């Protein structure tokens, strides 16, 4: 075999080996996705009826001397008074405000509330804030978002950038397609959120790309107390169901 034909044969064998390897890796990855889904379902089943938790999403760029920071701090503080766990991305800004408020509220009322930080690996974001009882870390946004949804029963979106918008729309879509249980999505700060919701009604809804009932879970409020009252109502339903499930069946 001359050199040219030999090189062509080797290239073909290399291509075939690469193709087989890619097929094997793809099948393996699909298997791992299925296993992860099964494990996630089992974890949700074991955990979802025991603790009531709220995700608070918001910007990492907002400083402590702002109105937004103080409002998120107060909301998380009130949630902790009621023994509700608070989950954030664990970073600075409004995430820190929520975790800080939750830890203070727990101390004030001696509640069982926990402060969670579910962080993500980013080159420009510092270490998690110092107000966390439980830390979880993810390398990918997709798995982190799944963790937020699995662990929570309600969501509060406060002012934020692309990440916060992603978290809002991700939650909304999963509720819409019933991939997660129905839950309130509370948007705190009317001046920030009303324009976006108005657009979704004026354009996608007007074109019948979404349905009027898709908006039922969305609540836009201006005050931390309003957000707290919505979540507290949901928490009471959770406790009633929990107590009902504990009662022994009549013989």
C-alpha atoms as a PDB file:
ATOM      1  CA  UNK A   1       0.000   0.000   0.000  1.00  0.00           C
ATOM      2  CA  UNK A   2       1.484   3.354  -1.005  1.00  0.00           C
ATOM      3  CA  UNK A   3       1.802   6.188   1.493  1.00  0.00           C
ATOM      4  CA  UNK A   4      -1.261   8.111   0.235  1.00  0.00           C
ATOM      5  CA  UNK A   5      -3.592   5.093   0.435  1.00  0.00           C
ATOM      6  CA  UNK A   6      -2.217   4.180   3.861  1.00  0.00           C
ATOM      7  CA  UNK A   7      -2.884   7.696   5.175  1.00  0.00           C
ATOM      8  CA  UNK A   8      -6.455   7.580   3.811  1.00  0.00           C
ATOM      9  CA  UNK A   9      -7.088   4.201   5.479  1.00  0.00           C
ATOM     10  CA  UNK A  10      -5.739   5.473   8.811  1.00  0.00           C
ATOM     11  CA  UNK A  11      -7.945   8.572   8.587  1.00  0.00           C
ATOM     12  CA  UNK A  12     -10.982   6.366   7.928  1.00  0.00           C
ATOM     13  CA  UNK A  13     -10.164   4.191  10.948  1.00  0.00           C
ATOM     14  CA  UNK A  14      -9.664   7.297  13.107  1.00  0.00           C
ATOM     15  CA  UNK A  15     -12.988   8.724  11.910  1.00  0.00           C
ATOM     16  CA  UNK A  16     -14.756   5.424  12.615  1.00  0.00           C
ATOM     17  CA  UNK A  17     -13.231   5.205  16.106  1.00  0.00           C
ATOM     18  CA  UNK A  18     -14.222   8.803  16.879  1.00  0.00           C
ATOM     19  CA  UNK A  19     -17.763   8.171  15.659  1.00  0.00           C
ATOM     20  CA  UNK A  20     -18.083   5.058  17.832  1.00  0.00           C
ATOM     21  CA  UNK A  21     -16.656   6.911  20.825  1.00  0.00           C
ATOM     22  CA  UNK A  22     -19.079   9.814  20.344  1.00  0.00           C
ATOM     23  CA  UNK A  23     -21.995   7.396  20.109  1.00  0.00           C
ATOM     24  CA  UNK A  24     -20.928   5.647  23.317  1.00  0.00           C
ATOM     25  CA  UNK A  25     -20.483   8.939  25.199  1.00  0.00           C
ATOM     26  CA  UNK A  26     -23.841  10.263  23.988  1.00  0.00           C
ATOM     27  CA  UNK A  27     -25.624   7.082  25.100  1.00  0.00           C
ATOM     28  CA  UNK A  28     -23.836   7.228  28.438  1.00  0.00           C
ATOM     29  CA  UNK A  29     -24.824  10.874  28.906  1.00  0.00           C
ATOM     30  CA  UNK A  30     -28.476  10.097  28.113  1.00  0.00           C
ATOM     31  CA  UNK A  31     -28.372   7.284  30.678  1.00  0.00           C
ATOM     32  CA  UNK A  32     -26.950   9.640  33.317  1.00  0.00           C
ATOM     33  CA  UNK A  33     -29.690  12.200  32.556  1.00  0.00           C
ATOM     34  CA  UNK A  34     -32.323   9.515  33.137  1.00  0.00           C
ATOM     35  CA  UNK A  35     -30.671   8.415  36.390  1.00  0.00           C
ATOM     36  CA  UNK A  36     -30.406  12.029  37.585  1.00  0.00           C
ATOM     37  CA  UNK A  37     -34.112  12.526  36.868  1.00  0.00           C
ATOM     38  CA  UNK A  38     -35.021   9.399  38.832  1.00  0.00           C
ATOM     39  CA  UNK A  39     -32.879  10.503  41.782  1.00  0.00           C
ATOM     40  CA  UNK A  40     -34.372  13.998  41.662  1.00  0.00           C
ATOM     41  CA  UNK A  41     -37.915  12.583  41.768  1.00  0.00           C
ATOM     42  CA  UNK A  42     -37.046  10.416  44.758  1.00  0.00           C
ATOM     43  CA  UNK A  43     -35.428  13.333  46.595  1.00  0.00           C
ATOM     44  CA  UNK A  44     -38.461  15.527  45.917  1.00  0.00           C
ATOM     45  CA  UNK A  45     -40.793  12.847  47.234  1.00  0.00           C
ATOM     46  CA  UNK A  46     -38.759  12.466  50.436  1.00  0.00           C
ATOM     47  CA  UNK A  47     -38.350  16.197  51.021  1.00  0.00           C
ATOM     48  CA  UNK A  48     -41.237  18.219  49.595  1.00  0.00           C
ATOM     49  CA  UNK A  49     -43.770  17.663  52.398  1.00  0.00           C
ATOM     50  CA  UNK A  50     -41.388  18.300  55.288  1.00  0.00           C
ATOM     51  CA  UNK A  51     -40.101  21.865  54.900  1.00  0.00           C
ATOM     52  CA  UNK A  52     -41.567  24.993  53.331  1.00  0.00           C
ATOM     53  CA  UNK A  53     -38.988  26.999  51.420  1.00  0.00           C
ATOM     54  CA  UNK A  54     -38.991  30.178  49.363  1.00  0.00           C
ATOM     55  CA  UNK A  55     -36.562  31.121  46.593  1.00  0.00           C
ATOM     56  CA  UNK A  56     -35.641  34.789  46.496  1.00  0.00           C
ATOM     57  CA  UNK A  57     -34.010  35.791  43.213  1.00  0.00           C
ATOM     58  CA  UNK A  58     -32.351  39.148  42.612  1.00  0.00           C
ATOM     59  CA  UNK A  59     -29.317  41.115  41.501  1.00  0.00           C
ATOM     60  CA  UNK A  60     -25.803  40.649  42.875  1.00  0.00           C
ATOM     61  CA  UNK A  61     -25.029  44.290  42.018  1.00  0.00           C
ATOM     62  CA  UNK A  62     -27.302  46.130  44.463  1.00  0.00           C
ATOM     63  CA  UNK A  63     -25.620  47.637  47.530  1.00  0.00           C
ATOM     64  CA  UNK A  64     -26.865  47.583  51.162  1.00  0.00           C
ATOM     65  CA  UNK A  65     -27.743  51.291  51.268  1.00  0.00           C
ATOM     66  CA  UNK A  66     -30.516  50.928  48.655  1.00  0.00           C
ATOM     67  CA  UNK A  67     -34.288  50.648  49.034  1.00  0.00           C
ATOM     68  CA  UNK A  68     -34.321  47.311  47.193  1.00  0.00           C
ATOM     69  CA  UNK A  69     -31.751  45.777  49.560  1.00  0.00           C
ATOM     70  CA  UNK A  70     -33.670  46.904  52.650  1.00  0.00           C
ATOM     71  CA  UNK A  71     -36.973  45.578  51.282  1.00  0.00           C
ATOM     72  CA  UNK A  72     -35.547  42.142  50.488  1.00  0.00           C
ATOM     73  CA  UNK A  73     -33.886  42.052  53.908  1.00  0.00           C
ATOM     74  CA  UNK A  74     -37.234  42.800  55.608  1.00  0.00           C
ATOM     75  CA  UNK A  75     -39.119  40.224  53.550  1.00  0.00           C
ATOM     76  CA  UNK A  76     -36.650  37.445  54.393  1.00  0.00           C
ATOM     77  CA  UNK A  77     -36.696  38.491  58.034  1.00  0.00           C
ATOM     78  CA  UNK A  78     -40.507  38.143  58.163  1.00  0.00           C
ATOM     79  CA  UNK A  79     -40.360  34.768  56.412  1.00  0.00           C
ATOM     80  CA  UNK A  80     -37.879  33.517  59.011  1.00  0.00           C
ATOM     81  CA  UNK A  81     -40.175  34.705  61.813  1.00  0.00           C
ATOM     82  CA  UNK A  82     -42.695  32.206  60.464  1.00  0.00           C
ATOM     83  CA  UNK A  83     -40.119  29.403  60.262  1.00  0.00           C
ATOM     84  CA  UNK A  84     -39.886  29.463  56.466  1.00  0.00           C
ATOM     85  CA  UNK A  85     -36.552  28.542  54.868  1.00  0.00           C
ATOM     86  CA  UNK A  86     -35.016  31.073  52.470  1.00  0.00           C
ATOM     87  CA  UNK A  87     -33.064  30.038  49.368  1.00  0.00           C
ATOM     88  CA  UNK A  88     -30.906  32.346  47.262  1.00  0.00           C
ATOM     89  CA  UNK A  89     -27.998  32.110  44.856  1.00  0.00           C
ATOM     90  CA  UNK A  90     -25.750  32.681  47.866  1.00  0.00           C
ATOM     91  CA  UNK A  91     -23.969  35.691  46.384  1.00  0.00           C
ATOM     92  CA  UNK A  92     -23.788  39.410  47.228  1.00  0.00           C
ATOM     93  CA  UNK A  93     -26.405  42.116  46.626  1.00  0.00           C
ATOM     94  CA  UNK A  94     -30.037  41.109  47.034  1.00  0.00           C
ATOM     95  CA  UNK A  95     -29.051  37.491  47.647  1.00  0.00           C
ATOM     96  CA  UNK A  96     -27.027  38.609  50.651  1.00  0.00           C
ATOM     97  CA  UNK A  97     -29.929  40.810  51.791  1.00  0.00           C
ATOM     98  CA  UNK A  98     -32.252  37.790  51.832  1.00  0.00           C
ATOM     99  CA  UNK A  99     -29.808  35.464  53.610  1.00  0.00           C
ATOM    100  CA  UNK A 100     -28.889  38.149  56.116  1.00  0.00           C
ATOM    101  CA  UNK A 101     -32.547  38.939  56.839  1.00  0.00           C
ATOM    102  CA  UNK A 102     -33.349  35.247  57.261  1.00  0.00           C
ATOM    103  CA  UNK A 103     -30.571  34.638  59.795  1.00  0.00           C
ATOM    104  CA  UNK A 104     -31.590  37.692  61.835  1.00  0.00           C
ATOM    105  CA  UNK A 105     -35.283  36.762  61.747  1.00  0.00           C
ATOM    106  CA  UNK A 106     -34.520  33.252  62.987  1.00  0.00           C
ATOM    107  CA  UNK A 107     -32.556  34.628  65.950  1.00  0.00           C
ATOM    108  CA  UNK A 108     -35.271  37.147  66.817  1.00  0.00           C
ATOM    109  CA  UNK A 109     -38.057  34.542  66.983  1.00  0.00           C
ATOM    110  CA  UNK A 110     -35.943  31.465  67.736  1.00  0.00           C
ATOM    111  CA  UNK A 111     -37.498  29.769  64.709  1.00  0.00           C
ATOM    112  CA  UNK A 112     -36.283  26.743  62.758  1.00  0.00           C
ATOM    113  CA  UNK A 113     -35.780  28.710  59.530  1.00  0.00           C
ATOM    114  CA  UNK A 114     -32.643  27.954  57.516  1.00  0.00           C
ATOM    115  CA  UNK A 115     -30.724  30.174  55.119  1.00  0.00           C
ATOM    116  CA  UNK A 116     -29.636  28.392  51.912  1.00  0.00           C
ATOM    117  CA  UNK A 117     -27.115  29.518  49.315  1.00  0.00           C
ATOM    118  CA  UNK A 118     -27.070  27.671  45.986  1.00  0.00           C
ATOM    119  CA  UNK A 119     -24.056  29.147  44.260  1.00  0.00           C
ATOM    120  CA  UNK A 120     -22.738  28.926  40.709  1.00  0.00           C
ATOM    121  CA  UNK A 121     -19.177  28.883  39.407  1.00  0.00           C
ATOM    122  CA  UNK A 122     -18.523  32.261  37.774  1.00  0.00           C
ATOM    123  CA  UNK A 123     -15.140  33.893  37.095  1.00  0.00           C
ATOM    124  CA  UNK A 124     -16.326  37.344  38.215  1.00  0.00           C
ATOM    125  CA  UNK A 125     -18.436  36.506  41.278  1.00  0.00           C
ATOM    126  CA  UNK A 126     -16.837  36.328  44.743  1.00  0.00           C
ATOM    127  CA  UNK A 127     -17.258  33.597  47.309  1.00  0.00           C
ATOM    128  CA  UNK A 128     -20.712  32.971  48.852  1.00  0.00           C
ATOM    129  CA  UNK A 129     -21.930  35.512  51.391  1.00  0.00           C
ATOM    130  CA  UNK A 130     -21.399  34.904  55.106  1.00  0.00           C
ATOM    131  CA  UNK A 131     -25.064  34.447  56.112  1.00  0.00           C
ATOM    132  CA  UNK A 132     -25.607  30.852  55.012  1.00  0.00           C
ATOM    133  CA  UNK A 133     -26.520  27.788  57.062  1.00  0.00           C
ATOM    134  CA  UNK A 134     -26.443  25.440  54.087  1.00  0.00           C
ATOM    135  CA  UNK A 135     -24.253  25.833  51.004  1.00  0.00           C
ATOM    136  CA  UNK A 136     -24.680  24.000  47.723  1.00  0.00           C
ATOM    137  CA  UNK A 137     -22.546  24.578  44.640  1.00  0.00           C
ATOM    138  CA  UNK A 138     -23.177  24.013  40.938  1.00  0.00           C
ATOM    139  CA  UNK A 139     -21.005  24.245  37.841  1.00  0.00           C
ATOM    140  CA  UNK A 140     -23.950  24.728  35.465  1.00  0.00           C
ATOM    141  CA  UNK A 141     -26.945  27.054  35.537  1.00  0.00           C
ATOM    142  CA  UNK A 142     -29.267  24.266  34.393  1.00  0.00           C
ATOM    143  CA  UNK A 143     -28.615  21.975  37.376  1.00  0.00           C
ATOM    144  CA  UNK A 144     -28.706  24.952  39.742  1.00  0.00           C
ATOM    145  CA  UNK A 145     -32.126  26.019  38.452  1.00  0.00           C
ATOM    146  CA  UNK A 146     -33.401  22.468  38.873  1.00  0.00           C
ATOM    147  CA  UNK A 147     -32.181  22.515  42.485  1.00  0.00           C
ATOM    148  CA  UNK A 148     -34.016  25.784  43.175  1.00  0.00           C
ATOM    149  CA  UNK A 149     -37.241  24.334  41.806  1.00  0.00           C
ATOM    150  CA  UNK A 150     -36.918  21.022  43.630  1.00  0.00           C
ATOM    151  CA  UNK A 151     -36.286  22.643  47.001  1.00  0.00           C
ATOM    152  CA  UNK A 152     -38.864  25.450  46.912  1.00  0.00           C
ATOM    153  CA  UNK A 153     -42.617  25.993  47.265  1.00  0.00           C
ATOM    154  CA  UNK A 154     -42.787  29.673  46.290  1.00  0.00           C
ATOM    155  CA  UNK A 155     -40.639  32.142  44.368  1.00  0.00           C
ATOM    156  CA  UNK A 156     -39.975  35.843  44.865  1.00  0.00           C
ATOM    157  CA  UNK A 157     -38.298  37.754  42.046  1.00  0.00           C
ATOM    158  CA  UNK A 158     -36.771  41.097  42.953  1.00  0.00           C
ATOM    159  CA  UNK A 159     -34.983  43.531  40.617  1.00  0.00           C
ATOM    160  CA  UNK A 160     -32.149  41.874  38.717  1.00  0.00           C
ATOM    161  CA  UNK A 161     -30.465  41.363  35.381  1.00  0.00           C
ATOM    162  CA  UNK A 162     -30.314  38.527  32.871  1.00  0.00           C
ATOM    163  CA  UNK A 163     -29.836  35.879  35.580  1.00  0.00           C
ATOM    164  CA  UNK A 164     -32.916  37.002  37.507  1.00  0.00           C
ATOM    165  CA  UNK A 165     -34.982  37.182  34.319  1.00  0.00           C
ATOM    166  CA  UNK A 166     -33.851  33.658  33.440  1.00  0.00           C
ATOM    167  CA  UNK A 167     -34.916  32.439  36.892  1.00  0.00           C
ATOM    168  CA  UNK A 168     -38.306  34.143  36.566  1.00  0.00           C
ATOM    169  CA  UNK A 169     -39.088  32.761  33.106  1.00  0.00           C
ATOM    170  CA  UNK A 170     -37.732  29.312  33.971  1.00  0.00           C
ATOM    171  CA  UNK A 171     -40.053  29.091  36.996  1.00  0.00           C
ATOM    172  CA  UNK A 172     -43.005  30.451  35.036  1.00  0.00           C
ATOM    173  CA  UNK A 173     -42.568  27.979  32.215  1.00  0.00           C
ATOM    174  CA  UNK A 174     -42.230  24.955  34.517  1.00  0.00           C
ATOM    175  CA  UNK A 175     -45.432  25.957  36.313  1.00  0.00           C
ATOM    176  CA  UNK A 176     -47.140  26.473  32.933  1.00  0.00           C
ATOM    177  CA  UNK A 177     -46.268  22.994  31.636  1.00  0.00           C
ATOM    178  CA  UNK A 178     -46.821  21.382  35.071  1.00  0.00           C
ATOM    179  CA  UNK A 179     -43.253  20.147  35.443  1.00  0.00           C
ATOM    180  CA  UNK A 180     -43.353  21.533  38.987  1.00  0.00           C
ATOM    181  CA  UNK A 181     -46.228  22.020  41.408  1.00  0.00           C
ATOM    182  CA  UNK A 182     -48.250  25.204  41.107  1.00  0.00           C
ATOM    183  CA  UNK A 183     -46.728  27.956  43.236  1.00  0.00           C
ATOM    184  CA  UNK A 184     -46.945  31.724  43.604  1.00  0.00           C
ATOM    185  CA  UNK A 185     -44.389  33.747  41.667  1.00  0.00           C
ATOM    186  CA  UNK A 186     -44.226  37.060  43.497  1.00  0.00           C
ATOM    187  CA  UNK A 187     -42.656  39.999  41.668  1.00  0.00           C
ATOM    188  CA  UNK A 188     -41.479  42.598  44.170  1.00  0.00           C
ATOM    189  CA  UNK A 189     -41.295  46.217  42.887  1.00  0.00           C
ATOM    190  CA  UNK A 190     -44.063  47.222  40.484  1.00  0.00           C
ATOM    191  CA  UNK A 191     -41.933  49.868  38.776  1.00  0.00           C
ATOM    192  CA  UNK A 192     -39.462  47.152  37.765  1.00  0.00           C
ATOM    193  CA  UNK A 193     -41.800  44.308  36.756  1.00  0.00           C
ATOM    194  CA  UNK A 194     -45.057  45.813  35.494  1.00  0.00           C
ATOM    195  CA  UNK A 195     -43.617  46.871  32.135  1.00  0.00           C
ATOM    196  CA  UNK A 196     -42.419  43.330  31.412  1.00  0.00           C
ATOM    197  CA  UNK A 197     -45.734  41.741  32.369  1.00  0.00           C
ATOM    198  CA  UNK A 198     -47.636  44.365  30.362  1.00  0.00           C
ATOM    199  CA  UNK A 199     -45.522  43.451  27.319  1.00  0.00           C
ATOM    200  CA  UNK A 200     -46.267  39.732  27.734  1.00  0.00           C
ATOM    201  CA  UNK A 201     -49.979  40.593  27.724  1.00  0.00           C
ATOM    202  CA  UNK A 202     -49.799  43.071  24.847  1.00  0.00           C
ATOM    203  CA  UNK A 203     -47.687  40.889  22.540  1.00  0.00           C
ATOM    204  CA  UNK A 204     -47.495  37.107  23.277  1.00  0.00           C
ATOM    205  CA  UNK A 205     -50.957  36.970  24.897  1.00  0.00           C
ATOM    206  CA  UNK A 206     -52.527  39.150  22.194  1.00  0.00           C
ATOM    207  CA  UNK A 207     -51.099  36.779  19.571  1.00  0.00           C
ATOM    208  CA  UNK A 208     -52.446  33.787  21.521  1.00  0.00           C
ATOM    209  CA  UNK A 209     -48.948  32.436  22.138  1.00  0.00           C
ATOM    210  CA  UNK A 210     -49.715  32.156  25.855  1.00  0.00           C
ATOM    211  CA  UNK A 211     -53.010  31.795  27.718  1.00  0.00           C
ATOM    212  CA  UNK A 212     -54.760  34.119  30.199  1.00  0.00           C
ATOM    213  CA  UNK A 213     -54.608  31.411  32.888  1.00  0.00           C
ATOM    214  CA  UNK A 214     -50.803  31.427  32.661  1.00  0.00           C
ATOM    215  CA  UNK A 215     -50.869  34.698  34.597  1.00  0.00           C
ATOM    216  CA  UNK A 216     -52.757  33.283  37.580  1.00  0.00           C
ATOM    217  CA  UNK A 217     -49.595  32.369  39.496  1.00  0.00           C
ATOM    218  CA  UNK A 218     -47.984  35.808  39.029  1.00  0.00           C
ATOM    219  CA  UNK A 219     -48.475  38.411  41.751  1.00  0.00           C
ATOM    220  CA  UNK A 220     -46.935  41.883  41.413  1.00  0.00           C
ATOM    221  CA  UNK A 221     -46.487  43.767  44.694  1.00  0.00           C
ATOM    222  CA  UNK A 222     -44.740  46.880  45.935  1.00  0.00           C
ATOM    223  CA  UNK A 223     -44.167  46.170  49.621  1.00  0.00           C
ATOM    224  CA  UNK A 224     -42.358  43.349  51.463  1.00  0.00           C
ATOM    225  CA  UNK A 225     -45.423  42.886  53.670  1.00  0.00           C
ATOM    226  CA  UNK A 226     -47.616  42.221  50.607  1.00  0.00           C
ATOM    227  CA  UNK A 227     -45.174  39.570  49.398  1.00  0.00           C
ATOM    228  CA  UNK A 228     -45.043  38.053  52.876  1.00  0.00           C
ATOM    229  CA  UNK A 229     -48.839  37.826  53.115  1.00  0.00           C
ATOM    230  CA  UNK A 230     -49.066  35.930  49.804  1.00  0.00           C
ATOM    231  CA  UNK A 231     -46.383  33.461  50.879  1.00  0.00           C
ATOM    232  CA  UNK A 232     -47.738  33.141  54.419  1.00  0.00           C
ATOM    233  CA  UNK A 233     -51.114  32.127  52.992  1.00  0.00           C
ATOM    234  CA  UNK A 234     -49.402  29.445  50.900  1.00  0.00           C
ATOM    235  CA  UNK A 235     -47.420  28.321  53.950  1.00  0.00           C
ATOM    236  CA  UNK A 236     -50.607  27.873  55.977  1.00  0.00           C
ATOM    237  CA  UNK A 237     -52.068  25.670  53.209  1.00  0.00           C
ATOM    238  CA  UNK A 238     -48.866  23.626  53.286  1.00  0.00           C
ATOM    239  CA  UNK A 239     -49.101  23.151  57.070  1.00  0.00           C
ATOM    240  CA  UNK A 240     -52.792  22.223  56.892  1.00  0.00           C
ATOM    241  CA  UNK A 241     -52.062  19.574  54.274  1.00  0.00           C
ATOM    242  CA  UNK A 242     -49.088  18.321  56.276  1.00  0.00           C
ATOM    243  CA  UNK A 243     -51.205  17.965  59.424  1.00  0.00           C
ATOM    244  CA  UNK A 244     -54.008  16.309  57.460  1.00  0.00           C
ATOM    245  CA  UNK A 245     -51.593  13.769  55.992  1.00  0.00           C
ATOM    246  CA  UNK A 246     -50.338  12.936  59.488  1.00  0.00           C
ATOM    247  CA  UNK A 247     -53.803  12.007  60.774  1.00  0.00           C
ATOM    248  CA  UNK A 248     -54.373   8.247  60.896  1.00  0.00           C
ATOM    249  CA  UNK A 249     -56.937   6.902  58.460  1.00  0.00           C
ATOM    250  CA  UNK A 250     -60.287   5.911  59.953  1.00  0.00           C
ATOM    251  CA  UNK A 251     -60.797   2.171  60.163  1.00  0.00           C
END
